[in-house]
C-alpha atoms as a PDB file:
ATOM      1  CA  MET A   1     -16.291 -10.209  11.736  1.00  0.00           C
ATOM      2  CA  SER A   2     -17.411 -12.120  14.943  1.00  0.00           C
ATOM      3  CA  ASP A   3     -16.718 -16.645  15.022  1.00  0.00           C
ATOM      4  CA  ALA A   4     -21.060 -17.087  15.018  1.00  0.00           C
ATOM      5  CA  THR A   5     -21.313 -14.375  11.610  1.00  0.00           C
ATOM      6  CA  PRO A   6     -23.450 -16.471   8.801  1.00  0.00           C
ATOM      7  CA  SER A   7     -21.088 -18.756   6.037  1.00  0.00           C
ATOM      8  CA  VAL A   8     -20.881 -16.595   3.265  1.00  0.00           C
ATOM      9  CA  SER A   9     -20.449 -17.911  -0.674  1.00  0.00           C
ATOM     10  CA  ILE A  10     -19.647 -16.495  -3.623  1.00  0.00           C
ATOM     11  CA  ARG A  11     -21.400 -16.824  -6.406  1.00  0.00           C
ATOM     12  CA  SER A  12     -22.741 -14.894 -10.789  1.00  0.00           C
ATOM     13  CA  VAL A  13     -24.798 -12.650 -10.584  1.00  0.00           C
ATOM     14  CA  ARG A  14     -28.620 -13.069 -11.579  1.00  0.00           C
ATOM     15  CA  SER A  15     -30.908 -10.512 -13.285  1.00  0.00           C
ATOM     16  CA  GLU A  16     -33.037 -11.809 -10.757  1.00  0.00           C
ATOM     17  CA  ASP A  17     -30.877  -9.566  -8.605  1.00  0.00           C
ATOM     18  CA  LEU A  18     -30.319  -6.438  -9.547  1.00  0.00           C
ATOM     19  CA  ARG A  19     -32.515  -4.515  -7.674  1.00  0.00           C
ATOM     20  CA  ALA A  20     -30.749  -5.934  -4.388  1.00  0.00           C
ATOM     21  CA  ILE A  21     -27.139  -5.343  -5.872  1.00  0.00           C
ATOM     22  CA  ALA A  22     -28.512  -1.841  -6.744  1.00  0.00           C
ATOM     23  CA  THR A  23     -30.047  -1.499  -3.241  1.00  0.00           C
ATOM     24  CA  PHE A  24     -26.680  -3.073  -1.626  1.00  0.00           C
ATOM     25  CA  ILE A  25     -24.980  -0.545  -3.842  1.00  0.00           C
ATOM     26  CA  GLU A  26     -26.605   2.595  -2.532  1.00  0.00           C
ATOM     27  CA  PRO A  27     -24.952   3.797   0.833  1.00  0.00           C
ATOM     28  CA  PHE A  28     -21.474   3.389  -1.307  1.00  0.00           C
ATOM     29  CA  VAL A  29     -22.436   5.639  -4.041  1.00  0.00           C
ATOM     30  CA  ALA A  30     -23.548   8.602  -1.006  1.00  0.00           C
ATOM     31  CA  ILE A  31     -20.599   8.440   0.773  1.00  0.00           C
ATOM     32  CA  GLY A  32     -18.302   8.898  -2.941  1.00  0.00           C
ATOM     33  CA  LYS A  33     -17.287   5.168  -2.688  1.00  0.00           C
ATOM     34  CA  LEU A  34     -18.448   3.812  -5.355  1.00  0.00           C
ATOM     35  CA  LEU A  35     -20.215   5.549  -8.909  1.00  0.00           C
ATOM     36  CA  PRO A  36     -23.649   5.411  -9.393  1.00  0.00           C
ATOM     37  CA  ARG A  37     -24.636   3.200 -12.093  1.00  0.00           C
ATOM     38  CA  THR A  38     -27.920   3.160 -14.303  1.00  0.00           C
ATOM     39  CA  ALA A  39     -30.359   0.547 -13.909  1.00  0.00           C
ATOM     40  CA  GLN A  40     -28.920  -0.441 -17.397  1.00  0.00           C
ATOM     41  CA  GLU A  41     -24.699  -0.479 -16.423  1.00  0.00           C
ATOM     42  CA  LEU A  42     -25.858  -2.901 -14.331  1.00  0.00           C
ATOM     43  CA  GLU A  43     -27.376  -4.802 -16.321  1.00  0.00           C
ATOM     44  CA  ASP A  44     -24.492  -4.910 -19.292  1.00  0.00           C
ATOM     45  CA  LEU A  45     -22.433  -5.758 -15.815  1.00  0.00           C
ATOM     46  CA  VAL A  46     -24.735  -8.901 -14.614  1.00  0.00           C
ATOM     47  CA  LEU A  47     -22.898 -11.586 -17.332  1.00  0.00           C
ATOM     48  CA  HIS A  48     -19.332 -11.184 -15.313  1.00  0.00           C
ATOM     49  CA  GLY A  49     -20.447  -9.976 -11.995  1.00  0.00           C
ATOM     50  CA  PHE A  50     -20.611 -11.556  -8.850  1.00  0.00           C
ATOM     51  CA  VAL A  51     -21.652 -11.359  -5.535  1.00  0.00           C
ATOM     52  CA  ALA A  52     -21.034 -12.997  -1.608  1.00  0.00           C
ATOM     53  CA  GLU A  53     -24.011 -13.819   0.304  1.00  0.00           C
ATOM     54  CA  SER A  54     -24.853 -14.806   3.055  1.00  0.00           C
ATOM     55  CA  GLU A  55     -28.369 -16.098   4.662  1.00  0.00           C
ATOM     56  CA  GLY A  56     -30.182 -15.076   1.076  1.00  0.00           C
ATOM     57  CA  ARG A  57     -28.390 -11.355   1.724  1.00  0.00           C
ATOM     58  CA  ILE A  58     -26.057  -9.490  -0.453  1.00  0.00           C
ATOM     59  CA  VAL A  59     -23.398  -9.090   1.671  1.00  0.00           C
ATOM     60  CA  GLY A  60     -20.582  -8.124  -0.702  1.00  0.00           C
ATOM     61  CA  PHE A  61     -20.251  -7.457  -5.123  1.00  0.00           C
ATOM     62  CA  ALA A  62     -17.944  -6.687  -8.016  1.00  0.00           C
ATOM     63  CA  ALA A  63     -17.735  -6.964 -11.446  1.00  0.00           C
ATOM     64  CA  LEU A  64     -15.415  -7.589 -14.324  1.00  0.00           C
ATOM     65  CA  GLU A  65     -16.146  -4.968 -17.076  1.00  0.00           C
ATOM     66  CA  ILE A  66     -14.318  -6.401 -20.360  1.00  0.00           C
ATOM     67  CA  TYR A  67     -13.201  -3.425 -22.692  1.00  0.00           C
ATOM     68  CA  SER A  68     -11.465  -5.369 -25.741  1.00  0.00           C
ATOM     69  CA  PRO A  69      -9.466  -8.788 -25.282  1.00  0.00           C
ATOM     70  CA  LYS A  70      -6.678  -6.692 -24.257  1.00  0.00           C
ATOM     71  CA  MET A  71      -8.456  -4.507 -21.250  1.00  0.00           C
ATOM     72  CA  SER A  72     -11.183  -4.959 -18.360  1.00  0.00           C
ATOM     73  CA  GLU A  73     -11.283  -3.321 -15.091  1.00  0.00           C
ATOM     74  CA  ILE A  74     -13.424  -4.150 -11.639  1.00  0.00           C
ATOM     75  CA  ARG A  75     -16.321  -1.977 -11.068  1.00  0.00           C
ATOM     76  CA  SER A  76     -18.316  -1.634  -8.248  1.00  0.00           C
ATOM     77  CA  LEU A  77     -16.474  -3.258  -5.614  1.00  0.00           C
ATOM     78  CA  ALA A  78     -18.375  -3.386  -2.053  1.00  0.00           C
ATOM     79  CA  VAL A  79     -18.720  -5.697   0.974  1.00  0.00           C
ATOM     80  CA  ALA A  80     -21.093  -4.566   3.826  1.00  0.00           C
ATOM     81  CA  ALA A  81     -19.736  -3.021   6.955  1.00  0.00           C
ATOM     82  CA  ASP A  82     -20.442  -6.420   9.026  1.00  0.00           C
ATOM     83  CA  PHE A  83     -18.397  -8.775   6.912  1.00  0.00           C
ATOM     84  CA  ARG A  84     -15.228  -6.858   6.055  1.00  0.00           C
ATOM     85  CA  GLY A  85     -11.865  -8.113   6.920  1.00  0.00           C
ATOM     86  CA  ALA A  86     -12.798 -11.136   6.162  1.00  0.00           C
ATOM     87  CA  GLY A  87     -11.402 -12.251   2.950  1.00  0.00           C
ATOM     88  CA  ILE A  88     -14.379 -11.833   0.707  1.00  0.00           C
ATOM     89  CA  GLY A  89     -13.851  -8.728  -0.806  1.00  0.00           C
ATOM     90  CA  LYS A  90     -10.323 -10.442  -2.084  1.00  0.00           C
ATOM     91  CA  GLN A  91     -12.189 -13.119  -3.240  1.00  0.00           C
ATOM     92  CA  LEU A  92     -14.495 -11.025  -5.480  1.00  0.00           C
ATOM     93  CA  VAL A  93     -11.719  -9.646  -6.911  1.00  0.00           C
ATOM     94  CA  GLN A  94      -9.970 -13.101  -7.281  1.00  0.00           C
ATOM     95  CA  ARG A  95     -13.230 -14.198  -9.150  1.00  0.00           C
ATOM     96  CA  CYS A  96     -13.768 -11.135 -11.564  1.00  0.00           C
ATOM     97  CA  VAL A  97      -9.788 -11.901 -12.381  1.00  0.00           C
ATOM     98  CA  GLU A  98     -10.414 -15.701 -13.140  1.00  0.00           C
ATOM     99  CA  ARG A  99     -12.908 -14.193 -15.400  1.00  0.00           C
ATOM    100  CA  ALA A 100     -10.674 -11.942 -17.770  1.00  0.00           C
ATOM    101  CA  CYS A 101      -8.563 -15.446 -17.530  1.00  0.00           C
ATOM    102  CA  GLU A 102     -11.064 -17.355 -18.807  1.00  0.00           C
ATOM    103  CA  ARG A 103     -12.349 -14.333 -21.622  1.00  0.00           C
ATOM    104  CA  GLN A 104      -8.215 -14.113 -22.161  1.00  0.00           C
ATOM    105  CA  VAL A 105      -8.380 -10.806 -21.275  1.00  0.00           C
ATOM    106  CA  LEU A 106      -4.269  -9.751 -20.945  1.00  0.00           C
ATOM    107  CA  GLU A 107      -5.132  -6.693 -18.679  1.00  0.00           C
ATOM    108  CA  VAL A 108      -7.332  -6.078 -15.856  1.00  0.00           C
ATOM    109  CA  MET A 109      -7.080  -2.643 -13.778  1.00  0.00           C
ATOM    110  CA  ALA A 110      -8.863  -1.380 -10.439  1.00  0.00           C
ATOM    111  CA  ILE A 111      -9.686   2.242 -10.264  1.00  0.00           C
ATOM    112  CA  THR A 112     -10.118   2.793  -6.378  1.00  0.00           C
ATOM    113  CA  SER A 113      -9.091   4.753  -3.623  1.00  0.00           C
ATOM    114  CA  ASN A 114      -7.598   1.655  -1.422  1.00  0.00           C
ATOM    115  CA  ASP A 115      -4.557   0.991  -3.055  1.00  0.00           C
ATOM    116  CA  GLU A 116      -3.132  -0.936  -0.614  1.00  0.00           C
ATOM    117  CA  PHE A 117      -6.410  -3.863  -0.755  1.00  0.00           C
ATOM    118  CA  PHE A 118      -5.363  -4.034  -4.472  1.00  0.00           C
ATOM    119  CA  LYS A 119      -1.402  -4.551  -4.235  1.00  0.00           C
ATOM    120  CA  GLN A 120      -2.428  -7.560  -1.562  1.00  0.00           C
ATOM    121  CA  CYS A 121      -4.379  -9.058  -4.382  1.00  0.00           C
ATOM    122  CA  GLY A 122      -1.343  -8.750  -7.003  1.00  0.00           C
ATOM    123  CA  PHE A 123      -2.221  -5.598  -8.556  1.00  0.00           C
ATOM    124  CA  ASP A 124       0.243  -2.862  -8.428  1.00  0.00           C
ATOM    125  CA  PHE A 125       1.338   0.697 -10.496  1.00  0.00           C
ATOM    126  CA  THR A 126       3.332  -0.148 -12.949  1.00  0.00           C
ATOM    127  CA  LEU A 127       2.685  -3.300 -15.628  1.00  0.00           C
ATOM    128  CA  PRO A 128       5.515  -5.322 -17.536  1.00  0.00           C
ATOM    129  CA  GLY A 129       7.855  -2.541 -19.539  1.00  0.00           C
ATOM    130  CA  GLU A 130       7.062   0.107 -16.936  1.00  0.00           C
ATOM    131  CA  LYS A 131       3.300   0.514 -18.694  1.00  0.00           C
ATOM    132  CA  LYS A 132       1.642   2.900 -16.366  1.00  0.00           C
ATOM    133  CA  ALA A 133      -2.504   4.262 -16.913  1.00  0.00           C
ATOM    134  CA  LEU A 134      -2.681   7.974 -16.523  1.00  0.00           C
ATOM    135  CA  PHE A 135      -6.292   9.168 -16.563  1.00  0.00           C
ATOM    136  CA  LEU A 136      -7.848  13.079 -17.618  1.00  0.00           C
ATOM    137  CA  GLN A 137     -11.266  14.101 -16.065  1.00  0.00           C
ATOM    138  CA  THR A 138     -13.681  15.839 -18.182  1.00  0.00           C
ATOM    139  CA  ARG A 139     -16.170  16.723 -16.219  1.00  0.00           C
ATOM    140  CA  ASP A 140     -16.961  17.251 -12.455  1.00  0.00           C
ATOM    141  CA  LEU A 141     -19.118  14.279 -10.933  1.00  0.00           C
END
């Protein structure tokens, strides 16, 4: 991102953003960086979703999915290639974490192929008491 790149603002998702978000995440889904999302799944993420916007263009997206008072997950984090390296991803993660705190959710998890990024955002592989998340995939995607 050069110095001439327009400014970016982070804001809550609005329902009228859904089509643009679906279009924005398509290339990330195509290369396997994000899981596909149905229109209903995206609609469900509106309440706790955030977009990074520059000159009316969505250049980043992330949402917090709250499963219970104990657990939430950062979902569909993506930043446009021409805006990477400017801290937008970290700002989106921070907004999700702030939302979890506002809702008094105890834990926020992130399932990612870029663990170093999330470590820089304060995430770790273990929780106090050395609790770890383990996964089992029940089918191929």
